[in-house]
Amino acid sequence: MELKLVRQSAASVEADAVIVFEAEGGKSFATALPVQYESGEISGKFAEYTLVHNVAGFAARRVLVAGSGKPEGLDPAKL
């Protein structure tokens, strides 16, 4: 397994999987994952994870949405 930290559009990363972070109450990826946001499956709560396969608009085969909690509570240790 190879892990890489990159600073580019998550949708453009060609990989088996890409991890994206969502803040609590945020809707950064709601356009790509409307069903998961509407159902409450993605809320951004800290340590909440949602794995989705074949997301339209993403080059990666899988997208893991990781909840990062409230923005003011995020620090390097939590990340």
N, C-alpha and C. Protein backbone atom coordinates (compact mmCIF):
# COMPACT_ATOMS: atom_id res chain seq x y z
N MET A 1 0.85 -1.17 0.00
CA MET A 1 0.00 0.00 0.00
C MET A 1 0.89 1.23 0.00
N GLU A 2 0.51 2.20 -0.81
CA GLU A 2 1.24 3.46 -0.88
C GLU A 2 0.30 4.59 -0.50
N LEU A 3 0.73 5.44 0.42
CA LEU A 3 -0.06 6.61 0.82
C LEU A 3 0.64 7.86 0.34
N LYS A 4 -0.14 8.82 -0.17
CA LYS A 4 0.41 10.08 -0.63
C LYS A 4 -0.49 11.20 -0.16
N LEU A 5 0.11 12.25 0.35
CA LEU A 5 -0.63 13.44 0.71
C LEU A 5 -0.43 14.44 -0.42
N VAL A 6 -1.52 14.86 -1.05
CA VAL A 6 -1.42 15.78 -2.18
C VAL A 6 -2.34 16.97 -1.94
N ARG A 7 -1.98 18.08 -2.56
CA ARG A 7 -2.80 19.28 -2.50
C ARG A 7 -3.28 19.58 -3.91
N GLN A 8 -4.37 18.94 -4.27
CA GLN A 8 -5.00 19.17 -5.57
C GLN A 8 -6.47 18.80 -5.43
N SER A 9 -7.22 19.08 -6.44
CA SER A 9 -8.64 18.76 -6.41
C SER A 9 -8.81 17.27 -6.14
N ALA A 10 -9.59 16.93 -5.13
CA ALA A 10 -9.82 15.52 -4.78
C ALA A 10 -10.40 14.75 -5.95
N ALA A 11 -11.23 15.39 -6.73
CA ALA A 11 -11.87 14.72 -7.86
C ALA A 11 -10.87 14.33 -8.95
N SER A 12 -9.75 15.03 -9.03
CA SER A 12 -8.78 14.76 -10.10
C SER A 12 -7.72 13.73 -9.73
N VAL A 13 -7.69 13.27 -8.49
CA VAL A 13 -6.68 12.32 -8.05
C VAL A 13 -7.00 10.93 -8.60
N GLU A 14 -6.08 10.39 -9.39
CA GLU A 14 -6.25 9.05 -9.93
C GLU A 14 -5.62 8.07 -8.94
N ALA A 15 -6.45 7.26 -8.29
CA ALA A 15 -5.99 6.33 -7.27
C ALA A 15 -7.06 5.28 -7.03
N ASP A 16 -6.70 4.24 -6.28
CA ASP A 16 -7.69 3.25 -5.88
C ASP A 16 -8.71 3.89 -4.94
N ALA A 17 -8.21 4.79 -4.08
CA ALA A 17 -9.09 5.47 -3.13
C ALA A 17 -8.53 6.84 -2.80
N VAL A 18 -9.41 7.76 -2.50
CA VAL A 18 -9.03 9.09 -2.06
C VAL A 18 -9.80 9.37 -0.77
N ILE A 19 -9.12 10.01 0.18
CA ILE A 19 -9.76 10.38 1.45
C ILE A 19 -9.97 11.89 1.43
N VAL A 20 -11.20 12.31 1.68
CA VAL A 20 -11.52 13.73 1.76
C VAL A 20 -12.10 14.00 3.15
N PHE A 21 -11.85 15.18 3.65
CA PHE A 21 -12.33 15.55 4.98
C PHE A 21 -13.52 16.47 4.87
N GLU A 22 -14.51 16.24 5.72
CA GLU A 22 -15.71 17.07 5.76
C GLU A 22 -15.90 17.56 7.19
N ALA A 23 -16.08 18.87 7.32
CA ALA A 23 -16.34 19.46 8.63
C ALA A 23 -17.78 19.21 9.04
N GLU A 24 -18.01 19.20 10.33
CA GLU A 24 -19.36 19.00 10.85
C GLU A 24 -20.29 20.09 10.32
N GLY A 25 -21.38 19.68 9.71
CA GLY A 25 -22.34 20.61 9.14
C GLY A 25 -21.98 21.10 7.75
N GLY A 26 -20.80 20.71 7.27
CA GLY A 26 -20.36 21.15 5.94
C GLY A 26 -21.03 20.34 4.84
N LYS A 27 -20.94 20.85 3.65
CA LYS A 27 -21.52 20.16 2.49
C LYS A 27 -20.59 20.31 1.29
N SER A 28 -19.30 20.10 1.52
CA SER A 28 -18.29 20.28 0.49
C SER A 28 -18.49 19.36 -0.72
N PHE A 29 -19.01 18.18 -0.50
CA PHE A 29 -19.14 17.19 -1.56
C PHE A 29 -20.61 16.82 -1.83
N ALA A 30 -21.52 17.70 -1.42
CA ALA A 30 -22.95 17.43 -1.56
C ALA A 30 -23.39 17.29 -3.01
N THR A 31 -22.72 17.97 -3.92
CA THR A 31 -23.08 17.86 -5.33
C THR A 31 -22.78 16.45 -5.84
N ALA A 32 -21.65 15.89 -5.42
CA ALA A 32 -21.25 14.56 -5.88
C ALA A 32 -21.95 13.44 -5.11
N LEU A 33 -22.34 13.71 -3.87
CA LEU A 33 -22.93 12.68 -3.01
C LEU A 33 -24.23 13.15 -2.36
N PRO A 34 -25.20 13.58 -3.15
CA PRO A 34 -26.42 14.15 -2.57
C PRO A 34 -27.21 13.17 -1.70
N VAL A 35 -27.28 11.92 -2.10
CA VAL A 35 -28.07 10.94 -1.34
C VAL A 35 -27.48 10.74 0.05
N GLN A 36 -26.16 10.67 0.14
CA GLN A 36 -25.51 10.44 1.43
C GLN A 36 -25.68 11.64 2.36
N TYR A 37 -25.66 12.84 1.82
CA TYR A 37 -25.87 14.03 2.65
C TYR A 37 -27.33 14.13 3.08
N GLU A 38 -28.25 13.92 2.15
CA GLU A 38 -29.68 14.05 2.47
C GLU A 38 -30.12 13.02 3.49
N SER A 39 -29.54 11.82 3.44
CA SER A 39 -29.93 10.77 4.39
C SER A 39 -29.27 10.94 5.75
N GLY A 40 -28.27 11.83 5.85
CA GLY A 40 -27.57 12.02 7.11
C GLY A 40 -26.39 11.07 7.27
N GLU A 41 -26.12 10.28 6.25
CA GLU A 41 -25.00 9.35 6.31
C GLU A 41 -23.68 10.11 6.42
N ILE A 42 -23.61 11.27 5.79
CA ILE A 42 -22.44 12.15 5.91
C ILE A 42 -22.87 13.39 6.67
N SER A 43 -22.31 13.57 7.86
CA SER A 43 -22.64 14.76 8.66
C SER A 43 -21.39 15.54 9.05
N GLY A 44 -20.22 14.95 8.84
CA GLY A 44 -18.97 15.61 9.20
C GLY A 44 -18.56 15.44 10.65
N LYS A 45 -19.32 14.66 11.41
CA LYS A 45 -18.95 14.44 12.82
C LYS A 45 -17.59 13.76 12.91
N PHE A 46 -16.82 14.14 13.92
CA PHE A 46 -15.47 13.62 14.08
C PHE A 46 -15.46 12.09 14.11
N ALA A 47 -14.54 11.51 13.34
CA ALA A 47 -14.31 10.06 13.25
C ALA A 47 -15.47 9.30 12.60
N GLU A 48 -16.31 9.99 11.84
CA GLU A 48 -17.36 9.35 11.07
C GLU A 48 -16.80 9.11 9.67
N TYR A 49 -16.95 7.90 9.17
CA TYR A 49 -16.39 7.56 7.86
C TYR A 49 -17.46 6.98 6.95
N THR A 50 -17.46 7.41 5.71
CA THR A 50 -18.39 6.90 4.71
C THR A 50 -17.61 6.56 3.45
N LEU A 51 -17.63 5.30 3.06
CA LEU A 51 -16.93 4.85 1.87
C LEU A 51 -17.94 4.71 0.73
N VAL A 52 -17.65 5.36 -0.40
CA VAL A 52 -18.54 5.33 -1.55
C VAL A 52 -17.73 4.91 -2.78
N HIS A 53 -18.28 4.00 -3.55
CA HIS A 53 -17.62 3.50 -4.76
C HIS A 53 -18.13 4.22 -6.00
N ASN A 54 -17.25 4.41 -6.96
CA ASN A 54 -17.60 4.95 -8.28
C ASN A 54 -18.41 6.25 -8.22
N VAL A 55 -17.84 7.24 -7.56
CA VAL A 55 -18.51 8.53 -7.44
C VAL A 55 -18.36 9.31 -8.75
N ALA A 56 -19.46 9.74 -9.31
CA ALA A 56 -19.43 10.50 -10.56
C ALA A 56 -18.60 11.76 -10.38
N GLY A 57 -17.70 12.00 -11.33
CA GLY A 57 -16.86 13.19 -11.27
C GLY A 57 -15.53 12.99 -10.56
N PHE A 58 -15.32 11.84 -9.95
CA PHE A 58 -14.07 11.54 -9.26
C PHE A 58 -13.28 10.51 -10.06
N ALA A 59 -11.98 10.73 -10.20
CA ALA A 59 -11.12 9.80 -10.92
C ALA A 59 -10.82 8.55 -10.10
N ALA A 60 -10.81 8.68 -8.78
CA ALA A 60 -10.53 7.54 -7.90
C ALA A 60 -11.71 6.57 -7.90
N ARG A 61 -11.42 5.30 -7.71
CA ARG A 61 -12.48 4.28 -7.69
C ARG A 61 -13.35 4.37 -6.44
N ARG A 62 -12.73 4.80 -5.34
CA ARG A 62 -13.46 4.91 -4.08
C ARG A 62 -13.17 6.26 -3.43
N VAL A 63 -14.17 6.79 -2.76
CA VAL A 63 -14.00 8.04 -2.01
C VAL A 63 -14.38 7.75 -0.57
N LEU A 64 -13.45 8.02 0.34
CA LEU A 64 -13.72 7.88 1.78
C LEU A 64 -13.90 9.28 2.33
N VAL A 65 -15.10 9.57 2.79
CA VAL A 65 -15.38 10.87 3.40
C VAL A 65 -15.17 10.70 4.90
N ALA A 66 -14.19 11.44 5.43
CA ALA A 66 -13.84 11.35 6.84
C ALA A 66 -14.32 12.60 7.55
N GLY A 67 -15.13 12.41 8.57
CA GLY A 67 -15.63 13.54 9.35
C GLY A 67 -14.52 14.13 10.20
N SER A 68 -14.35 15.45 10.10
CA SER A 68 -13.29 16.10 10.87
C SER A 68 -13.83 16.91 12.05
N GLY A 69 -15.13 16.84 12.29
CA GLY A 69 -15.72 17.52 13.43
C GLY A 69 -15.85 19.02 13.19
N LYS A 70 -16.03 19.75 14.28
CA LYS A 70 -16.19 21.20 14.19
C LYS A 70 -14.87 21.83 13.78
N PRO A 71 -14.91 22.76 12.82
CA PRO A 71 -13.67 23.34 12.30
C PRO A 71 -12.78 23.94 13.39
N GLU A 72 -13.37 24.57 14.38
CA GLU A 72 -12.57 25.21 15.43
C GLU A 72 -11.88 24.18 16.34
N GLY A 73 -12.34 22.93 16.30
CA GLY A 73 -11.74 21.88 17.13
C GLY A 73 -10.70 21.04 16.41
N LEU A 74 -10.49 21.29 15.13
CA LEU A 74 -9.55 20.48 14.36
C LEU A 74 -8.11 20.97 14.60
N ASP A 75 -7.25 20.03 14.91
CA ASP A 75 -5.83 20.34 15.09
C ASP A 75 -5.01 19.22 14.44
N PRO A 76 -3.71 19.40 14.32
CA PRO A 76 -2.89 18.38 13.66
C PRO A 76 -3.00 16.99 14.30
N ALA A 77 -3.15 16.92 15.59
CA ALA A 77 -3.25 15.62 16.26
C ALA A 77 -4.52 14.88 15.84
N LYS A 78 -5.63 15.58 15.72
CA LYS A 78 -6.88 14.96 15.29
C LYS A 78 -6.81 14.55 13.84
N LEU A 79 -6.18 15.38 13.03
CA LEU A 79 -6.05 15.07 11.61
C LEU A 79 -5.22 13.83 11.43
